[in-house]
Amino acid sequence: MAGSRRSPGAGGIVSDSPVVRYEVTDRIARITLDRPERGNGITRNLVDELVDCVERADLDPAVHVMLLSGSGRGFCGGYDLVESAEGMDTTAGETDADRAGSPLDPAVMASNHDPRTTWDPMVDYAMMSRNVRGFMSLFHCGKPVVCKVHGFCVAGGTDMALCSDLLMIAEDAKIGYPPARVWGSPTTALWAHRIGVQRAKRLLFTGDSLSGSEAVEWGLAIEGPSPERLDERTEVLLERIARMPVNQLMMMKLLVNQTLYAQGLHATQVLGTVLDGMARHTDEGYAFQRRAAEAGFREAVRGRDEPFGDAGRSTFKG
């Protein structure tokens, strides 16, 4: 069974090919990002469908716990920005919306900006904050959410993983926020809340990533089994949570989440989202986008990460 696919802001069905799969088995709602050919890259439709699935599970009395995972080679490679980054300055006279194909797609509109035109930071914020609200549906929903990460979880993919309640990650997986080096700021701003201020700075000052084993050591993940045992260990955890009464689960999540609310999480997310827009409109941000337009987005990312020695799946830290 699959989640519905809505047009951005309209609420209507626009496709019979959903990008988030949904099914319920044994008190567990299984929500699966399903764009494997694009590394489960984040689009407006994917966020809309994620929100729909989370709400569906939250309202289903038969569901006790949710599992968020990704299909294909990894969990999520971040926003699907290849076309928008590569399209800079290629069609003079057209608007961002013309080039993007959808005037309401924040992942494209907020990134594909011509430096010859005026950038409106509040338009940028309004669009990107919609995605933050979508990711935070995982945090705000009443029932526990376990996120299972294999392969990779980078950039915007970490927003979904960190908004979940518990993270299970394969020991050889890569998780981190490389756009801290250029062209990004973590909009959900959960790194300090999850691993502490000093360790958050260690990652965001360098853009370095963690392996699954390191994620457990740093307190980001609850367990980091071998890739062969990831499914097995995740199912054990899900089954134990599913034995609990739903009302008890909701009370415990509500109780613990109050700590993050009291720490001012919302205010931090507002700042993180505004800074994300600013990071894409610095001299360095424009240079990164020009490189993407000339050589391709993947080549621009490779050039960003290669000096640090961790391009691709590596988690090298010097």
Protein backbone atom coordinates (compact mmCIF):
# COMPACT_ATOMS: atom_id res chain seq x y z
CA MET A 1 0.00 0.00 0.00
CA ALA A 2 1.36 3.44 -0.86
CA GLY A 3 0.98 6.97 0.37
CA SER A 4 -0.81 9.55 -1.77
CA ARG A 5 1.10 12.02 -3.89
CA ARG A 6 -0.13 15.59 -3.69
CA SER A 7 0.53 18.62 -5.81
CA PRO A 8 2.42 21.21 -3.77
CA GLY A 9 -0.07 23.31 -1.82
CA ALA A 10 -3.07 21.87 -3.60
CA GLY A 11 -3.82 18.62 -1.79
CA GLY A 12 -4.88 16.76 -4.93
CA ILE A 13 -3.61 13.50 -6.40
CA VAL A 14 -1.20 14.21 -9.26
CA SER A 15 0.49 10.86 -9.84
CA ASP A 16 -0.06 7.14 -9.51
CA SER A 17 3.63 6.69 -8.72
CA PRO A 18 4.13 7.60 -5.05
CA VAL A 19 7.66 8.22 -3.82
CA VAL A 20 6.95 7.14 -0.23
CA ARG A 21 5.62 3.63 0.42
CA TYR A 22 3.37 2.85 3.38
CA GLU A 23 2.25 -0.41 4.95
CA VAL A 24 1.28 -1.68 8.38
CA THR A 25 2.38 -5.04 9.79
CA ASP A 26 2.11 -6.21 13.40
CA ARG A 27 1.51 -2.78 14.98
CA ILE A 28 4.35 -1.26 12.94
CA ALA A 29 3.77 1.39 10.24
CA ARG A 30 6.56 1.04 7.68
CA ILE A 31 7.29 4.29 5.84
CA THR A 32 9.85 3.87 3.04
CA LEU A 33 11.42 6.59 0.90
CA ASP A 34 11.18 5.17 -2.59
CA ARG A 35 13.25 7.13 -5.12
CA PRO A 36 16.20 4.73 -5.31
CA GLU A 37 17.26 5.93 -8.76
CA ARG A 38 17.88 9.39 -7.22
CA GLY A 39 19.29 8.30 -3.87
CA ASN A 40 15.85 9.00 -2.33
CA GLY A 41 16.55 12.68 -2.99
CA ILE A 42 14.18 15.09 -1.27
CA THR A 43 11.53 16.84 -3.36
CA ARG A 44 8.38 18.69 -2.40
CA ASN A 45 6.29 15.64 -3.29
CA LEU A 46 8.43 13.40 -1.10
CA VAL A 47 7.97 15.73 1.89
CA ASP A 48 4.21 15.94 1.27
CA GLU A 49 3.91 12.18 1.09
CA LEU A 50 6.04 11.73 4.21
CA VAL A 51 3.70 14.04 6.15
CA ASP A 52 0.66 12.15 4.86
CA CYS A 53 2.10 8.80 5.91
CA VAL A 54 3.12 10.02 9.37
CA GLU A 55 -0.34 11.44 10.00
CA ARG A 56 -1.97 8.26 8.72
CA ALA A 57 0.08 6.14 11.13
CA ASP A 58 -0.45 8.55 14.01
CA LEU A 59 -4.23 8.36 13.61
CA ASP A 60 -4.36 4.58 13.22
CA PRO A 61 -5.10 2.94 16.60
CA ALA A 62 -3.57 -0.31 15.33
CA VAL A 63 -0.15 1.35 14.94
CA HIS A 64 2.15 1.54 17.95
CA VAL A 65 5.44 2.54 16.31
CA MET A 66 6.67 3.82 12.93
CA LEU A 67 9.73 2.70 10.97
CA LEU A 68 11.28 5.19 8.52
CA SER A 69 13.74 3.72 6.01
CA GLY A 70 14.96 4.17 2.44
CA SER A 71 15.02 1.88 -0.58
CA GLY A 72 18.02 1.25 -2.79
CA ARG A 73 21.69 1.82 -1.95
CA GLY A 74 21.16 4.23 0.95
CA PHE A 75 18.70 6.03 3.16
CA CYS A 76 18.80 9.54 1.66
CA GLY A 77 21.40 11.64 -0.14
CA GLY A 78 19.75 14.97 0.67
CA TYR A 79 17.80 17.36 -1.54
CA ASP A 80 17.47 16.48 -5.20
CA LEU A 81 19.14 19.66 -6.46
CA VAL A 82 20.97 18.43 -9.54
CA GLU A 83 18.78 20.21 -12.08
CA SER A 84 18.46 23.44 -10.10
CA ALA A 85 22.18 23.74 -9.34
CA GLU A 86 23.21 22.88 -12.89
CA GLY A 87 20.65 25.27 -14.40
CA MET A 88 22.13 28.51 -13.08
CA ASP A 89 22.38 31.23 -15.76
CA THR A 90 21.42 28.83 -18.55
CA THR A 91 18.20 30.62 -19.54
CA ALA A 92 18.61 34.37 -19.14
CA GLY A 93 15.32 36.22 -18.78
CA GLU A 94 13.41 33.32 -17.26
CA THR A 95 12.38 33.24 -13.63
CA ASP A 96 13.46 30.64 -11.09
CA ALA A 97 9.97 29.16 -11.35
CA ASP A 98 10.26 28.88 -15.15
CA ARG A 99 13.50 26.95 -14.86
CA ALA A 100 12.32 24.80 -11.99
CA GLY A 101 9.08 23.80 -13.62
CA SER A 102 7.12 24.29 -10.37
CA PRO A 103 6.65 27.69 -8.71
CA LEU A 104 6.02 26.03 -5.36
CA ASP A 105 8.95 23.63 -5.08
CA PRO A 106 11.10 25.07 -2.27
CA ALA A 107 13.98 22.67 -2.79
CA VAL A 108 14.39 24.03 -6.30
CA MET A 109 13.22 27.62 -6.01
CA ALA A 110 15.30 28.41 -2.95
CA SER A 111 18.50 27.06 -4.51
CA ASN A 112 18.25 27.97 -8.19
CA HIS A 113 18.83 31.71 -7.88
CA ASP A 114 20.39 34.03 -10.43
CA PRO A 115 22.88 36.35 -8.65
CA ARG A 116 21.94 39.11 -11.11
CA THR A 117 18.51 39.36 -9.50
CA THR A 118 17.45 40.41 -6.01
CA TRP A 119 17.26 37.60 -3.47
CA ASP A 120 14.32 37.82 -1.08
CA PRO A 121 15.35 36.03 2.13
CA MET A 122 11.80 35.87 3.45
CA VAL A 123 10.50 34.15 0.33
CA ASP A 124 13.38 31.71 0.72
CA TYR A 125 12.54 31.22 4.42
CA ALA A 126 8.83 30.72 3.73
CA MET A 127 9.58 27.98 1.23
CA MET A 128 12.27 26.13 3.19
CA SER A 129 10.40 26.34 6.49
CA ARG A 130 7.62 24.29 4.88
CA ASN A 131 10.09 21.45 4.57
CA VAL A 132 11.18 21.89 8.18
CA ARG A 133 7.56 21.52 9.28
CA GLY A 134 7.33 18.39 7.13
CA PHE A 135 10.44 16.83 8.64
CA MET A 136 9.30 17.78 12.13
CA SER A 137 6.08 15.80 11.66
CA LEU A 138 8.28 12.87 12.70
CA PHE A 139 9.14 14.65 15.94
CA HIS A 140 5.70 16.13 16.68
CA CYS A 141 3.65 12.99 16.00
CA GLY A 142 2.43 11.19 19.10
CA LYS A 143 3.99 7.79 18.40
CA PRO A 144 7.65 6.73 18.39
CA VAL A 145 9.57 6.82 15.11
CA VAL A 146 12.58 4.57 14.52
CA CYS A 147 14.81 5.52 11.57
CA LYS A 148 16.85 2.78 9.91
CA VAL A 149 19.90 4.01 7.99
CA HIS A 150 21.96 1.98 5.56
CA GLY A 151 24.51 3.18 3.01
CA PHE A 152 24.34 6.92 3.42
CA CYS A 153 22.38 9.65 5.17
CA VAL A 154 23.80 13.05 4.32
CA ALA A 155 22.79 16.69 4.00
CA GLY A 156 18.98 17.08 4.06
CA GLY A 157 18.64 13.35 4.69
CA THR A 158 19.91 13.97 8.22
CA ASP A 159 16.93 16.24 8.86
CA MET A 160 14.61 13.25 8.66
CA ALA A 161 16.92 10.94 10.59
CA LEU A 162 17.47 13.41 13.43
CA CYS A 163 13.77 14.31 13.64
CA SER A 164 13.07 10.63 14.34
CA ASP A 165 13.14 9.39 17.92
CA LEU A 166 15.63 6.55 17.62
CA LEU A 167 18.31 5.93 15.00
CA MET A 168 19.48 2.46 13.96
CA ILE A 169 22.41 2.67 11.56
CA ALA A 170 24.62 0.13 9.83
CA GLU A 171 28.18 0.28 11.14
CA ASP A 172 29.56 1.08 7.67
CA ALA A 173 27.00 3.77 6.78
CA LYS A 174 27.92 7.45 6.37
CA ILE A 175 25.97 10.18 8.17
CA GLY A 176 26.74 13.88 8.26
CA TYR A 177 26.14 17.36 6.88
CA PRO A 178 28.84 18.13 4.24
CA PRO A 179 26.94 21.25 2.99
CA ALA A 180 28.26 22.95 6.15
CA ARG A 181 31.36 23.48 3.95
CA VAL A 182 29.45 25.56 1.42
CA TRP A 183 25.85 26.13 0.27
CA GLY A 184 23.96 24.97 3.34
CA SER A 185 22.97 25.08 7.00
CA PRO A 186 21.00 22.32 8.79
CA THR A 187 17.47 23.68 8.83
CA THR A 188 16.09 21.43 11.57
CA ALA A 189 19.10 22.39 13.73
CA LEU A 190 19.05 19.21 15.80
CA TRP A 191 22.75 18.35 15.86
CA ALA A 192 23.54 20.07 19.15
CA HIS A 193 20.44 18.58 20.76
CA ARG A 194 21.39 15.07 19.64
CA ILE A 195 25.14 14.95 20.29
CA GLY A 196 25.93 18.02 22.41
CA VAL A 197 27.34 21.44 21.56
CA GLN A 198 31.04 20.55 21.29
CA ARG A 199 30.55 17.52 19.06
CA ALA A 200 28.04 19.39 16.90
CA LYS A 201 30.64 22.10 16.38
CA ARG A 202 33.25 19.43 15.54
CA LEU A 203 31.10 18.22 12.66
CA LEU A 204 29.70 21.53 11.44
CA PHE A 205 33.04 23.37 11.57
CA THR A 206 34.46 20.82 9.12
CA GLY A 207 31.51 19.24 7.32
CA ASP A 208 32.91 15.88 8.38
CA SER A 209 30.68 12.81 8.58
CA LEU A 210 30.47 9.86 10.95
CA SER A 211 30.45 6.16 10.23
CA GLY A 212 27.65 4.14 11.77
CA SER A 213 30.00 2.88 14.46
CA GLU A 214 31.05 6.43 15.30
CA ALA A 215 27.42 7.55 15.36
CA VAL A 216 26.78 5.06 18.17
CA GLU A 217 29.93 6.13 20.03
CA TRP A 218 28.89 9.79 19.77
CA GLY A 219 25.38 9.08 21.05
CA LEU A 220 23.67 9.92 17.75
CA ALA A 221 22.45 6.36 17.10
CA ILE A 222 21.13 3.77 19.52
CA GLU A 223 22.81 0.81 17.78
CA GLY A 224 25.20 0.24 14.86
CA PRO A 225 25.05 -3.39 13.77
CA SER A 226 26.80 -4.87 10.76
CA PRO A 227 24.95 -4.31 7.45
CA GLU A 228 23.93 -7.98 7.47
CA ARG A 229 22.26 -7.63 10.88
CA LEU A 230 20.72 -4.16 10.51
CA ASP A 231 17.27 -5.45 9.57
CA GLU A 232 17.30 -8.09 12.28
CA ARG A 233 18.35 -5.71 15.06
CA THR A 234 15.88 -3.06 13.92
CA GLU A 235 13.03 -5.56 13.99
CA VAL A 236 13.95 -6.62 17.53
CA LEU A 237 13.71 -3.01 18.69
CA LEU A 238 10.44 -2.40 16.84
CA GLU A 239 8.87 -5.52 18.31
CA ARG A 240 9.81 -4.49 21.84
CA ILE A 241 8.37 -1.01 21.38
CA ALA A 242 5.23 -2.43 19.75
CA ARG A 243 4.50 -4.48 22.88
CA MET A 244 3.92 -1.26 24.83
CA PRO A 245 0.44 0.26 25.14
CA VAL A 246 -0.02 3.14 22.70
CA ASN A 247 -1.02 5.54 25.45
CA GLN A 248 2.16 4.81 27.40
CA LEU A 249 4.30 5.33 24.31
CA MET A 250 2.64 8.67 23.62
CA MET A 251 3.11 9.80 27.22
CA MET A 252 6.79 8.88 27.23
CA LYS A 253 7.48 10.65 23.92
CA LEU A 254 5.60 13.74 25.07
CA LEU A 255 7.56 13.79 28.30
CA VAL A 256 11.01 13.51 26.75
CA ASN A 257 10.26 15.94 23.91
CA GLN A 258 9.52 18.68 26.43
CA THR A 259 13.25 18.88 27.11
CA LEU A 260 13.95 19.96 23.54
CA TYR A 261 11.02 22.38 23.51
CA ALA A 262 12.31 23.96 26.71
CA GLN A 263 15.78 24.33 25.16
CA GLY A 264 14.34 26.61 22.48
CA LEU A 265 14.40 24.20 19.54
CA HIS A 266 11.88 26.21 17.50
CA ALA A 267 13.92 29.42 17.72
CA THR A 268 17.07 27.54 16.70
CA GLN A 269 15.27 26.05 13.69
CA VAL A 270 14.11 29.49 12.56
CA LEU A 271 17.73 30.67 12.61
CA GLY A 272 19.01 27.52 10.91
CA THR A 273 16.50 27.93 8.07
CA VAL A 274 17.34 31.61 7.54
CA LEU A 275 21.07 30.82 7.58
CA ASP A 276 20.53 28.05 5.01
CA GLY A 277 19.24 30.67 2.58
CA MET A 278 22.11 33.00 3.36
CA ALA A 279 24.65 30.20 2.81
CA ARG A 280 23.36 29.70 -0.72
CA HIS A 281 23.77 33.42 -1.53
CA THR A 282 27.35 34.15 -0.46
CA ASP A 283 30.23 34.59 -2.92
CA GLU A 284 31.25 31.02 -2.10
CA GLY A 285 27.68 29.80 -2.57
CA TYR A 286 27.44 31.38 -6.01
CA ALA A 287 30.84 29.96 -6.93
CA PHE A 288 29.66 26.48 -5.97
CA GLN A 289 26.54 26.87 -8.09
CA ARG A 290 28.58 28.20 -11.04
CA ARG A 291 30.80 25.13 -10.77
CA ALA A 292 27.71 22.93 -10.79
CA ALA A 293 26.38 24.71 -13.89
CA GLU A 294 29.71 24.27 -15.70
CA ALA A 295 30.74 20.77 -14.65
CA GLY A 296 27.62 19.21 -13.15
CA PHE A 297 26.33 19.04 -9.57
CA ARG A 298 28.09 15.78 -8.74
CA GLU A 299 31.41 17.21 -9.88
CA ALA A 300 30.83 20.33 -7.75
CA VAL A 301 30.16 18.14 -4.72
CA ARG A 302 33.25 16.06 -5.46
CA GLY A 303 35.33 19.23 -5.68
CA ARG A 304 33.88 20.43 -2.38
CA ASP A 305 34.69 17.20 -0.54
CA GLU A 306 37.88 15.96 -2.18
CA PRO A 307 40.20 18.39 -0.34
CA PHE A 308 38.85 16.95 2.91
CA GLY A 309 39.54 13.39 1.73
CA ASP A 310 35.98 12.15 2.24
CA ALA A 311 34.30 12.35 -1.16
CA GLY A 312 31.73 9.63 -1.78
CA ARG A 313 31.18 7.06 0.97
CA SER A 314 34.36 7.89 2.94
CA THR A 315 34.21 9.24 6.51
CA PHE A 316 37.92 10.16 6.62
CA LYS A 317 38.71 12.92 9.13
CA GLY A 318 42.38 13.63 8.68
